Structures are given as C-alpha cells and as structure tokens.
PDB file of all heavy atoms in Angstrom:
ATOM      1  N   LEU A   1     121.010  94.501  76.946  1.00  0.00           N
ATOM      2  CA  LEU A   1     122.141  93.916  77.667  1.00  0.00           C
ATOM      3  C   LEU A   1     121.631  93.229  78.926  1.00  0.00           C
ATOM      4  O   LEU A   1     120.695  93.712  79.574  1.00  0.00           O
ATOM      5  CB  LEU A   1     123.152  95.009  78.043  1.00  0.00           C
ATOM      6  CG  LEU A   1     123.843  95.702  76.864  1.00  0.00           C
ATOM      7  CD1 LEU A   1     124.706  96.850  77.350  1.00  0.00           C
ATOM      8  CD2 LEU A   1     124.686  94.694  76.082  1.00  0.00           C
ATOM      9  N   PRO A   2     122.248  92.092  79.281  1.00  0.00           N
ATOM     10  CA  PRO A   2     121.785  91.372  80.459  1.00  0.00           C
ATOM     11  C   PRO A   2     122.027  92.187  81.736  1.00  0.00           C
ATOM     12  O   PRO A   2     123.110  92.727  81.947  1.00  0.00           O
ATOM     13  CB  PRO A   2     122.622  90.093  80.476  1.00  0.00           C
ATOM     14  CG  PRO A   2     123.532  90.140  79.306  1.00  0.00           C
ATOM     15  CD  PRO A   2     123.345  91.418  78.582  1.00  0.00           C
ATOM     16  N   VAL A   3     120.991  92.280  82.565  1.00  0.00           N
ATOM     17  CA  VAL A   3     121.051  93.064  83.799  1.00  0.00           C
ATOM     18  C   VAL A   3     120.529  92.225  84.957  1.00  0.00           C
ATOM     19  O   VAL A   3     119.534  91.507  84.808  1.00  0.00           O
ATOM     20  CB  VAL A   3     120.179  94.339  83.691  1.00  0.00           C
ATOM     21  CG1 VAL A   3     120.252  95.140  84.990  1.00  0.00           C
ATOM     22  CG2 VAL A   3     120.598  95.199  82.519  1.00  0.00           C
ATOM     23  N   ARG A   4     121.192  92.330  86.095  1.00  0.00           N
ATOM     24  CA  ARG A   4     120.681  91.732  87.326  1.00  0.00           C
ATOM     25  C   ARG A   4     120.555  92.850  88.353  1.00  0.00           C
ATOM     26  O   ARG A   4     121.515  93.568  88.620  1.00  0.00           O
ATOM     27  CB  ARG A   4     121.621  90.638  87.846  1.00  0.00           C
ATOM     28  CG  ARG A   4     121.159  90.032  89.178  1.00  0.00           C
ATOM     29  CD  ARG A   4     122.108  88.921  89.596  1.00  0.00           C
ATOM     30  NE  ARG A   4     122.051  87.818  88.651  1.00  0.00           N
ATOM     31  CZ  ARG A   4     123.038  86.926  88.491  1.00  0.00           C
ATOM     32  NH1 ARG A   4     124.159  87.039  89.191  1.00  0.00           N
ATOM     33  NH2 ARG A   4     122.914  85.945  87.622  1.00  0.00           N
ATOM     34  N   ILE A   5     119.374  93.002  88.902  1.00  0.00           N
ATOM     35  CA  ILE A   5     119.145  94.042  89.897  1.00  0.00           C
ATOM     36  C   ILE A   5     119.287  93.438  91.285  1.00  0.00           C
ATOM     37  O   ILE A   5     118.587  92.484  91.639  1.00  0.00           O
ATOM     38  CB  ILE A   5     117.750  94.671  89.720  1.00  0.00           C
ATOM     39  CG1 ILE A   5     117.705  95.453  88.402  1.00  0.00           C
ATOM     40  CG2 ILE A   5     117.402  95.582  90.883  1.00  0.00           C
ATOM     41  CD1 ILE A   5     116.337  95.992  88.054  1.00  0.00           C
ATOM     42  N   GLY A   6     120.217  93.995  92.055  1.00  0.00           N
ATOM     43  CA  GLY A   6     120.407  93.565  93.433  1.00  0.00           C
ATOM     44  C   GLY A   6     119.825  94.603  94.374  1.00  0.00           C
ATOM     45  O   GLY A   6     120.223  95.758  94.351  1.00  0.00           O
ATOM     46  N   THR A   7     118.862  94.200  95.178  1.00  0.00           N
ATOM     47  CA  THR A   7     118.204  95.155  96.061  1.00  0.00           C
ATOM     48  C   THR A   7     117.623  94.432  97.265  1.00  0.00           C
ATOM     49  O   THR A   7     117.392  93.221  97.225  1.00  0.00           O
ATOM     50  CB  THR A   7     117.086  95.900  95.307  1.00  0.00           C
ATOM     51  OG1 THR A   7     116.373  96.730  96.225  1.00  0.00           O
ATOM     52  CG2 THR A   7     116.114  94.933  94.653  1.00  0.00           C
ATOM     53  N   ARG A   8     117.387  95.205  98.322  1.00  0.00           N
ATOM     54  CA  ARG A   8     116.791  94.616  99.516  1.00  0.00           C
ATOM     55  C   ARG A   8     115.318  94.322  99.310  1.00  0.00           C
ATOM     56  O   ARG A   8     114.728  93.546 100.060  1.00  0.00           O
ATOM     57  CB  ARG A   8     116.951  95.574 100.714  1.00  0.00           C
ATOM     58  CG  ARG A   8     118.399  95.774 101.146  1.00  0.00           C
ATOM     59  CD  ARG A   8     118.479  96.602 102.409  1.00  0.00           C
ATOM     60  NE  ARG A   8     117.802  97.884 102.253  1.00  0.00           N
ATOM     61  CZ  ARG A   8     117.534  98.698 103.259  1.00  0.00           C
ATOM     62  NH1 ARG A   8     117.857  98.358 104.486  1.00  0.00           N
ATOM     63  NH2 ARG A   8     116.941  99.858 103.049  1.00  0.00           N
ATOM     64  N   SER A   9     114.710  94.948  98.296  1.00  0.00           N
ATOM     65  CA  SER A   9     113.269  94.765  98.092  1.00  0.00           C
ATOM     66  C   SER A   9     112.986  94.477  96.625  1.00  0.00           C
ATOM     67  O   SER A   9     112.797  95.380  95.824  1.00  0.00           O
ATOM     68  CB  SER A   9     112.518  96.031  98.521  1.00  0.00           C
ATOM     69  OG  SER A   9     113.050  97.159  97.869  1.00  0.00           O
ATOM     70  N   GLY A  10     113.000  93.217  96.246  1.00  0.00           N
ATOM     71  CA  GLY A  10     112.743  92.846  94.854  1.00  0.00           C
ATOM     72  C   GLY A  10     114.035  92.531  94.138  1.00  0.00           C
ATOM     73  O   GLY A  10     115.124  92.713  94.660  1.00  0.00           O
ATOM     74  N   GLY A  11     113.910  92.070  92.902  1.00  0.00           N
ATOM     75  CA  GLY A  11     115.106  91.680  92.159  1.00  0.00           C
ATOM     76  C   GLY A  11     115.774  90.498  92.826  1.00  0.00           C
ATOM     77  O   GLY A  11     115.126  89.631  93.414  1.00  0.00           O
ATOM     78  N   VAL A  12     117.093  90.453  92.754  1.00  0.00           N
ATOM     79  CA  VAL A  12     117.865  89.423  93.447  1.00  0.00           C
ATOM     80  C   VAL A  12     118.195  89.971  94.835  1.00  0.00           C
ATOM     81  O   VAL A  12     118.701  91.081  94.957  1.00  0.00           O
ATOM     82  CB  VAL A  12     119.161  89.099  92.670  1.00  0.00           C
ATOM     83  CG1 VAL A  12     119.985  88.085  93.426  1.00  0.00           C
ATOM     84  CG2 VAL A  12     118.817  88.587  91.277  1.00  0.00           C
ATOM     85  N   PRO A  13     117.899  89.216  95.898  1.00  0.00           N
ATOM     86  CA  PRO A  13     118.139  89.736  97.246  1.00  0.00           C
ATOM     87  C   PRO A  13     119.594  90.145  97.445  1.00  0.00           C
ATOM     88  O   PRO A  13     120.514  89.346  97.224  1.00  0.00           O
ATOM     89  CB  PRO A  13     117.772  88.557  98.149  1.00  0.00           C
ATOM     90  CG  PRO A  13     116.865  87.697  97.337  1.00  0.00           C
ATOM     91  CD  PRO A  13     117.326  87.857  95.918  1.00  0.00           C
ATOM     92  N   PHE A  14     119.805  91.400  97.826  1.00  0.00           N
ATOM     93  CA  PHE A  14     121.146  91.892  98.145  1.00  0.00           C
ATOM     94  C   PHE A  14     121.024  92.853  99.317  1.00  0.00           C
ATOM     95  O   PHE A  14     120.199  93.772  99.300  1.00  0.00           O
ATOM     96  CB  PHE A  14     121.782  92.623  96.962  1.00  0.00           C
ATOM     97  CG  PHE A  14     123.162  93.144  97.275  1.00  0.00           C
ATOM     98  CD1 PHE A  14     124.287  92.363  97.031  1.00  0.00           C
ATOM     99  CD2 PHE A  14     123.337  94.393  97.860  1.00  0.00           C
ATOM    100  CE1 PHE A  14     125.556  92.822  97.353  1.00  0.00           C
ATOM    101  CE2 PHE A  14     124.606  94.875  98.182  1.00  0.00           C
ATOM    102  CZ  PHE A  14     125.718  94.078  97.924  1.00  0.00           C
ATOM    103  N   ASP A  15     121.864  92.613 100.310  1.00  0.00           N
ATOM    104  CA  ASP A  15     121.860  93.474 101.490  1.00  0.00           C
ATOM    105  C   ASP A  15     123.303  93.716 101.902  1.00  0.00           C
ATOM    106  O   ASP A  15     124.055  92.769 102.132  1.00  0.00           O
ATOM    107  CB  ASP A  15     121.089  92.792 102.628  1.00  0.00           C
ATOM    108  CG  ASP A  15     120.826  93.729 103.804  1.00  0.00           C
ATOM    109  OD1 ASP A  15     121.611  94.687 103.986  1.00  0.00           O
ATOM    110  OD2 ASP A  15     119.860  93.495 104.538  1.00  0.00           O
ATOM    111  N   TRP A  16     123.700  94.983 101.995  1.00  0.00           N
ATOM    112  CA  TRP A  16     125.075  95.299 102.385  1.00  0.00           C
ATOM    113  C   TRP A  16     125.420  94.732 103.764  1.00  0.00           C
ATOM    114  O   TRP A  16     126.580  94.436 104.041  1.00  0.00           O
ATOM    115  CB  TRP A  16     125.285  96.814 102.374  1.00  0.00           C
ATOM    116  CG  TRP A  16     125.475  97.380 101.006  1.00  0.00           C
ATOM    117  CD1 TRP A  16     124.599  98.141 100.286  1.00  0.00           C
ATOM    118  CD2 TRP A  16     126.636  97.219 100.175  1.00  0.00           C
ATOM    119  NE1 TRP A  16     125.121  98.454  99.050  1.00  0.00           N
ATOM    120  CE2 TRP A  16     126.377  97.910  98.960  1.00  0.00           C
ATOM    121  CE3 TRP A  16     127.859  96.563 100.329  1.00  0.00           C
ATOM    122  CZ2 TRP A  16     127.302  97.959  97.919  1.00  0.00           C
ATOM    123  CZ3 TRP A  16     128.782  96.608  99.293  1.00  0.00           C
ATOM    124  CH2 TRP A  16     128.498  97.300  98.104  1.00  0.00           C
ATOM    125  N   GLU A  17     124.408  94.564 104.604  1.00  0.00           N
ATOM    126  CA  GLU A  17     124.666  94.089 105.964  1.00  0.00           C
ATOM    127  C   GLU A  17     124.617  92.574 106.073  1.00  0.00           C
ATOM    128  O   GLU A  17     124.830  92.028 107.151  1.00  0.00           O
ATOM    129  CB  GLU A  17     123.661  94.731 106.931  1.00  0.00           C
ATOM    130  CG  GLU A  17     123.850  96.249 107.029  1.00  0.00           C
ATOM    131  CD  GLU A  17     122.863  96.886 107.995  1.00  0.00           C
ATOM    132  OE1 GLU A  17     122.097  96.140 108.641  1.00  0.00           O
ATOM    133  OE2 GLU A  17     122.870  98.124 108.094  1.00  0.00           O
ATOM    134  N   ASP A  18     124.332  91.891 104.983  1.00  0.00           N
ATOM    135  CA  ASP A  18     124.276  90.427 104.971  1.00  0.00           C
ATOM    136  C   ASP A  18     125.193  89.901 103.868  1.00  0.00           C
ATOM    137  O   ASP A  18     124.790  89.758 102.715  1.00  0.00           O
ATOM    138  CB  ASP A  18     122.832  89.957 104.748  1.00  0.00           C
ATOM    139  CG  ASP A  18     122.716  88.433 104.783  1.00  0.00           C
ATOM    140  OD1 ASP A  18     123.730  87.749 105.047  1.00  0.00           O
ATOM    141  OD2 ASP A  18     121.597  87.926 104.533  1.00  0.00           O
ATOM    142  N   THR A  19     126.438  89.622 104.226  1.00  0.00           N
ATOM    143  CA  THR A  19     127.436  89.230 103.215  1.00  0.00           C
ATOM    144  C   THR A  19     127.074  87.922 102.503  1.00  0.00           C
ATOM    145  O   THR A  19     127.578  87.659 101.411  1.00  0.00           O
ATOM    146  CB  THR A  19     128.834  89.082 103.848  1.00  0.00           C
ATOM    147  OG1 THR A  19     128.752  88.155 104.950  1.00  0.00           O
ATOM    148  CG2 THR A  19     129.340  90.422 104.366  1.00  0.00           C
ATOM    149  N   ALA A  20     126.195  87.135 103.099  1.00  0.00           N
ATOM    150  CA  ALA A  20     125.777  85.880 102.451  1.00  0.00           C
ATOM    151  C   ALA A  20     125.002  86.156 101.164  1.00  0.00           C
ATOM    152  O   ALA A  20     124.901  85.286 100.295  1.00  0.00           O
ATOM    153  CB  ALA A  20     124.929  85.051 103.410  1.00  0.00           C
ATOM    154  N   THR A  21     124.461  87.373 101.030  1.00  0.00           N
ATOM    155  CA  THR A  21     123.695  87.701  99.812  1.00  0.00           C
ATOM    156  C   THR A  21     124.597  88.163  98.676  1.00  0.00           C
ATOM    157  O   THR A  21     124.133  88.300  97.545  1.00  0.00           O
ATOM    158  CB  THR A  21     122.664  88.821 100.099  1.00  0.00           C
ATOM    159  OG1 THR A  21     123.363  90.037 100.432  1.00  0.00           O
ATOM    160  CG2 THR A  21     121.732  88.442 101.243  1.00  0.00           C
ATOM    161  N   TRP A  22     125.854  88.418  98.957  1.00  0.00           N
ATOM    162  CA  TRP A  22     126.716  89.028  97.950  1.00  0.00           C
ATOM    163  C   TRP A  22     127.072  88.077  96.806  1.00  0.00           C
ATOM    164  O   TRP A  22     126.925  88.430  95.632  1.00  0.00           O
ATOM    165  CB  TRP A  22     128.010  89.537  98.582  1.00  0.00           C
ATOM    166  CG  TRP A  22     127.822  90.638  99.579  1.00  0.00           C
ATOM    167  CD1 TRP A  22     126.631  91.159 100.022  1.00  0.00           C
ATOM    168  CD2 TRP A  22     128.849  91.371 100.249  1.00  0.00           C
ATOM    169  NE1 TRP A  22     126.858  92.155 100.930  1.00  0.00           N
ATOM    170  CE2 TRP A  22     128.208  92.312 101.093  1.00  0.00           C
ATOM    171  CE3 TRP A  22     130.241  91.321 100.239  1.00  0.00           C
ATOM    172  CZ2 TRP A  22     128.914  93.188 101.909  1.00  0.00           C
ATOM    173  CZ3 TRP A  22     130.956  92.191 101.043  1.00  0.00           C
ATOM    174  CH2 TRP A  22     130.287  93.115 101.859  1.00  0.00           C
ATOM    175  N   GLU A  23     127.550  86.893  97.157  1.00  0.00           N
ATOM    176  CA  GLU A  23     128.076  85.995  96.128  1.00  0.00           C
ATOM    177  C   GLU A  23     127.038  85.584  95.083  1.00  0.00           C
ATOM    178  O   GLU A  23     127.333  85.600  93.881  1.00  0.00           O
ATOM    179  CB  GLU A  23     128.717  84.762  96.767  1.00  0.00           C
ATOM    180  CG  GLU A  23     129.519  83.949  95.771  1.00  0.00           C
ATOM    181  CD  GLU A  23     130.568  83.081  96.443  1.00  0.00           C
ATOM    182  OE1 GLU A  23     130.726  83.144  97.673  1.00  0.00           O
ATOM    183  OE2 GLU A  23     131.231  82.329  95.716  1.00  0.00           O
ATOM    184  N   PRO A  24     125.805  85.227  95.493  1.00  0.00           N
ATOM    185  CA  PRO A  24     124.813  84.845  94.480  1.00  0.00           C
ATOM    186  C   PRO A  24     124.541  85.950  93.455  1.00  0.00           C
ATOM    187  O   PRO A  24     124.270  85.652  92.284  1.00  0.00           O
ATOM    188  CB  PRO A  24     123.558  84.546  95.314  1.00  0.00           C
ATOM    189  CG  PRO A  24     124.073  84.184  96.670  1.00  0.00           C
ATOM    190  CD  PRO A  24     125.293  85.031  96.873  1.00  0.00           C
ATOM    191  N   THR A  25     124.618  87.204  93.874  1.00  0.00           N
ATOM    192  CA  THR A  25     124.342  88.286  92.921  1.00  0.00           C
ATOM    193  C   THR A  25     125.464  88.444  91.906  1.00  0.00           C
ATOM    194  O   THR A  25     125.241  88.949  90.801  1.00  0.00           O
ATOM    195  CB  THR A  25     124.151  89.630  93.646  1.00  0.00           C
ATOM    196  OG1 THR A  25     125.359  89.988  94.323  1.00  0.00           O
ATOM    197  CG2 THR A  25     123.008  89.577  94.631  1.00  0.00           C
ATOM    198  N   LEU A  26     126.679  88.022  92.263  1.00  0.00           N
ATOM    199  CA  LEU A  26     127.843  88.217  91.388  1.00  0.00           C
ATOM    200  C   LEU A  26     128.016  87.101  90.359  1.00  0.00           C
ATOM    201  O   LEU A  26     128.727  87.281  89.369  1.00  0.00           O
ATOM    202  CB  LEU A  26     129.117  88.317  92.232  1.00  0.00           C
ATOM    203  CG  LEU A  26     129.272  89.600  93.053  1.00  0.00           C
ATOM    204  CD1 LEU A  26     130.363  89.434  94.103  1.00  0.00           C
ATOM    205  CD2 LEU A  26     129.582  90.776  92.142  1.00  0.00           C
ATOM    206  N   GLU A  27     127.359  85.987  90.560  1.00  0.00           N
ATOM    207  CA  GLU A  27     127.559  84.824  89.695  1.00  0.00           C
ATOM    208  C   GLU A  27     127.222  85.146  88.237  1.00  0.00           C
ATOM    209  O   GLU A  27     126.131  85.592  87.911  1.00  0.00           O
ATOM    210  CB  GLU A  27     126.698  83.659  90.183  1.00  0.00           C
ATOM    211  CG  GLU A  27     127.006  82.353  89.481  1.00  0.00           C
ATOM    212  CD  GLU A  27     126.207  81.195  90.068  1.00  0.00           C
ATOM    213  OE1 GLU A  27     125.858  81.233  91.260  1.00  0.00           O
ATOM    214  OE2 GLU A  27     125.932  80.259  89.307  1.00  0.00           O
ATOM    215  N   GLY A  28     128.184  84.970  87.353  1.00  0.00           N
ATOM    216  CA  GLY A  28     127.978  85.174  85.926  1.00  0.00           C
ATOM    217  C   GLY A  28     128.056  86.623  85.474  1.00  0.00           C
ATOM    218  O   GLY A  28     127.874  86.908  84.288  1.00  0.00           O
ATOM    219  N   MET A  29     128.335  87.541  86.395  1.00  0.00           N
ATOM    220  CA  MET A  29     128.400  88.961  86.035  1.00  0.00           C
ATOM    221  C   MET A  29     129.816  89.344  85.569  1.00  0.00           C
ATOM    222  O   MET A  29     130.799  88.751  86.001  1.00  0.00           O
ATOM    223  CB  MET A  29     128.009  89.830  87.235  1.00  0.00           C
ATOM    224  CG  MET A  29     126.586  89.631  87.740  1.00  0.00           C
ATOM    225  SD  MET A  29     125.303  90.225  86.584  1.00  0.00           S
ATOM    226  CE  MET A  29     124.747  88.683  85.861  1.00  0.00           C
ATOM    227  N   THR A  30     129.885  90.338  84.689  1.00  0.00           N
ATOM    228  CA  THR A  30     131.198  90.833  84.245  1.00  0.00           C
ATOM    229  C   THR A  30     131.418  92.291  84.640  1.00  0.00           C
ATOM    230  O   THR A  30     132.524  92.809  84.554  1.00  0.00           O
ATOM    231  CB  THR A  30     131.321  90.725  82.712  1.00  0.00           C
ATOM    232  OG1 THR A  30     130.259  91.454  82.101  1.00  0.00           O
ATOM    233  CG2 THR A  30     131.272  89.269  82.268  1.00  0.00           C
ATOM    234  N   ALA A  31     130.334  92.978  85.045  1.00  0.00           N
ATOM    235  CA  ALA A  31     130.439  94.382  85.444  1.00  0.00           C
ATOM    236  C   ALA A  31     129.441  94.649  86.570  1.00  0.00           C
ATOM    237  O   ALA A  31     128.466  93.915  86.732  1.00  0.00           O
ATOM    238  CB  ALA A  31     130.150  95.311  84.258  1.00  0.00           C
ATOM    239  N   ALA A  32     129.709  95.699  87.343  1.00  0.00           N
ATOM    240  CA  ALA A  32     128.780  96.044  88.420  1.00  0.00           C
ATOM    241  C   ALA A  32     128.720  97.553  88.627  1.00  0.00           C
ATOM    242  O   ALA A  32     129.750  98.242  88.584  1.00  0.00           O
ATOM    243  CB  ALA A  32     129.187  95.363  89.728  1.00  0.00           C
ATOM    244  N   TYR A  33     127.497  98.047  88.834  1.00  0.00           N
ATOM    245  CA  TYR A  33     127.272  99.431  89.240  1.00  0.00           C
ATOM    246  C   TYR A  33     126.993  99.397  90.738  1.00  0.00           C
ATOM    247  O   TYR A  33     126.069  98.716  91.188  1.00  0.00           O
ATOM    248  CB  TYR A  33     126.081 100.026  88.494  1.00  0.00           C
ATOM    249  CG  TYR A  33     125.718 101.416  88.965  1.00  0.00           C
ATOM    250  CD1 TYR A  33     126.496 102.522  88.622  1.00  0.00           C
ATOM    251  CD2 TYR A  33     124.602 101.627  89.777  1.00  0.00           C
ATOM    252  CE1 TYR A  33     126.167 103.794  89.062  1.00  0.00           C
ATOM    253  CE2 TYR A  33     124.264 102.900  90.213  1.00  0.00           C
ATOM    254  CZ  TYR A  33     125.056 103.978  89.855  1.00  0.00           C
ATOM    255  OH  TYR A  33     124.738 105.236  90.302  1.00  0.00           O
ATOM    256  N   ILE A  34     127.816 100.108  91.491  1.00  0.00           N
ATOM    257  CA  ILE A  34     127.760 100.023  92.947  1.00  0.00           C
ATOM    258  C   ILE A  34     127.267 101.332  93.547  1.00  0.00           C
ATOM    259  O   ILE A  34     127.927 102.366  93.435  1.00  0.00           O
ATOM    260  CB  ILE A  34     129.154  99.684  93.526  1.00  0.00           C
ATOM    261  CG1 ILE A  34     129.673  98.378  92.926  1.00  0.00           C
ATOM    262  CG2 ILE A  34     129.103  99.604  95.050  1.00  0.00           C
ATOM    263  CD1 ILE A  34     131.116  98.069  93.293  1.00  0.00           C
ATOM    264  N   SER A  35     126.090 101.300  94.161  1.00  0.00           N
ATOM    265  CA  SER A  35     125.646 102.412  94.995  1.00  0.00           C
ATOM    266  C   SER A  35     125.445 101.843  96.394  1.00  0.00           C
ATOM    267  O   SER A  35     124.771 100.822  96.562  1.00  0.00           O
ATOM    268  CB  SER A  35     124.364 103.037  94.455  1.00  0.00           C
ATOM    269  OG  SER A  35     123.327 102.098  94.379  1.00  0.00           O
ATOM    270  N   TYR A  36     126.053 102.488  97.362  1.00  0.00           N
ATOM    271  CA  TYR A  36     126.060 101.962  98.726  1.00  0.00           C
ATOM    272  C   TYR A  36     124.957 102.609  99.553  1.00  0.00           C
ATOM    273  O   TYR A  36     124.766 103.825  99.507  1.00  0.00           O
ATOM    274  CB  TYR A  36     127.418 102.213  99.389  1.00  0.00           C
ATOM    275  CG  TYR A  36     127.517 101.650 100.789  1.00  0.00           C
ATOM    276  CD1 TYR A  36     127.810 100.301 100.974  1.00  0.00           C
ATOM    277  CD2 TYR A  36     127.304 102.454 101.904  1.00  0.00           C
ATOM    278  CE1 TYR A  36     127.886  99.773 102.248  1.00  0.00           C
ATOM    279  CE2 TYR A  36     127.379 101.931 103.183  1.00  0.00           C
ATOM    280  CZ  TYR A  36     127.668 100.591 103.350  1.00  0.00           C
ATOM    281  OH  TYR A  36     127.731 100.070 104.613  1.00  0.00           O
ATOM    282  N   TYR A  37     124.263 101.779 100.310  1.00  0.00           N
ATOM    283  CA  TYR A  37     123.190 102.279 101.176  1.00  0.00           C
ATOM    284  C   TYR A  37     123.622 102.193 102.638  1.00  0.00           C
ATOM    285  O   TYR A  37     124.158 101.177 103.039  1.00  0.00           O
ATOM    286  CB  TYR A  37     121.918 101.458 100.962  1.00  0.00           C
ATOM    287  CG  TYR A  37     120.753 101.952 101.793  1.00  0.00           C
ATOM    288  CD1 TYR A  37     119.935 102.979 101.334  1.00  0.00           C
ATOM    289  CD2 TYR A  37     120.502 101.409 103.047  1.00  0.00           C
ATOM    290  CE1 TYR A  37     118.879 103.451 102.101  1.00  0.00           C
ATOM    291  CE2 TYR A  37     119.446 101.880 103.825  1.00  0.00           C
ATOM    292  CZ  TYR A  37     118.644 102.901 103.352  1.00  0.00           C
ATOM    293  OH  TYR A  37     117.614 103.380 104.127  1.00  0.00           O
ATOM    294  N   PRO A  38     123.400 103.242 103.460  1.00  0.00           N
ATOM    295  CA  PRO A  38     122.696 104.479 103.111  1.00  0.00           C
ATOM    296  C   PRO A  38     123.590 105.525 102.445  1.00  0.00           C
ATOM    297  O   PRO A  38     123.111 106.363 101.711  1.00  0.00           O
ATOM    298  CB  PRO A  38     122.204 104.988 104.470  1.00  0.00           C
ATOM    299  CG  PRO A  38     123.220 104.488 105.448  1.00  0.00           C
ATOM    300  CD  PRO A  38     123.680 103.168 104.912  1.00  0.00           C
ATOM    301  N   ASP A  39     124.901 105.505 102.707  1.00  0.00           N
ATOM    302  CA  ASP A  39     125.796 106.491 102.116  1.00  0.00           C
ATOM    303  C   ASP A  39     127.226 106.064 102.400  1.00  0.00           C
ATOM    304  O   ASP A  39     127.504 105.430 103.420  1.00  0.00           O
ATOM    305  CB  ASP A  39     125.539 107.883 102.717  1.00  0.00           C
ATOM    306  CG  ASP A  39     126.280 108.987 101.972  1.00  0.00           C
ATOM    307  OD1 ASP A  39     125.713 109.520 100.993  1.00  0.00           O
ATOM    308  OD2 ASP A  39     127.419 109.312 102.344  1.00  0.00           O
ATOM    309  N   LEU A  40     128.140 106.419 101.496  1.00  0.00           N
ATOM    310  CA  LEU A  40     129.550 106.045 101.694  1.00  0.00           C
ATOM    311  C   LEU A  40     130.155 106.691 102.934  1.00  0.00           C
ATOM    312  O   LEU A  40     131.218 106.275 103.390  1.00  0.00           O
ATOM    313  CB  LEU A  40     130.373 106.433 100.458  1.00  0.00           C
ATOM    314  CG  LEU A  40     130.073 105.647  99.178  1.00  0.00           C
ATOM    315  CD1 LEU A  40     130.960 106.143  98.041  1.00  0.00           C
ATOM    316  CD2 LEU A  40     130.282 104.151  99.381  1.00  0.00           C
ATOM    317  N   ALA A  41     129.472 107.708 103.485  1.00  0.00           N
ATOM    318  CA  ALA A  41     129.963 108.344 104.707  1.00  0.00           C
ATOM    319  C   ALA A  41     129.543 107.576 105.955  1.00  0.00           C
ATOM    320  O   ALA A  41     129.984 107.897 107.064  1.00  0.00           O
ATOM    321  CB  ALA A  41     129.455 109.780 104.793  1.00  0.00           C
ATOM    322  N   ALA A  42     128.697 106.565 105.790  1.00  0.00           N
ATOM    323  CA  ALA A  42     128.191 105.816 106.940  1.00  0.00           C
ATOM    324  C   ALA A  42     129.269 104.885 107.509  1.00  0.00           C
ATOM    325  O   ALA A  42     130.140 104.405 106.780  1.00  0.00           O
ATOM    326  CB  ALA A  42     126.962 105.007 106.525  1.00  0.00           C
ATOM    327  N   PRO A  43     129.225 104.623 108.806  1.00  0.00           N
ATOM    328  CA  PRO A  43     130.185 103.698 109.423  1.00  0.00           C
ATOM    329  C   PRO A  43     130.127 102.326 108.764  1.00  0.00           C
ATOM    330  O   PRO A  43     129.048 101.822 108.473  1.00  0.00           O
ATOM    331  CB  PRO A  43     129.717 103.626 110.886  1.00  0.00           C
ATOM    332  CG  PRO A  43     128.936 104.878 111.115  1.00  0.00           C
ATOM    333  CD  PRO A  43     128.293 105.200 109.799  1.00  0.00           C
ATOM    334  N   GLY A  44     131.297 101.739 108.515  1.00  0.00           N
ATOM    335  CA  GLY A  44     131.357 100.402 107.925  1.00  0.00           C
ATOM    336  C   GLY A  44     131.375 100.378 106.410  1.00  0.00           C
ATOM    337  O   GLY A  44     131.582  99.318 105.810  1.00  0.00           O
TER     338      GLY A  44
END
C-alpha cells in the first residue's frame, strides 16, 4: 500500500511546529496515522 512518512528527520519533511510543512505531506493522501510529538499532554 502506498505510504508517505512524515518526520522531522527523513522522509517527507513534517514538523508540528511548522505549519508550512503540513500541506505538502497531505497531498494525494486518503488516510493518516497521527502521532503527536512530544506528547498530546504538551502545550499547544
């Protein structure tokens, strides 16, 4: 199955703190697995 890896180090650049990286990772995708860094308990 087609997979795109979004990460701060390798794959397609994705950074939770840089919203400009979000849209390019979503292009052409139909599903997403979301793990938030550092933790969902973190501010923001």
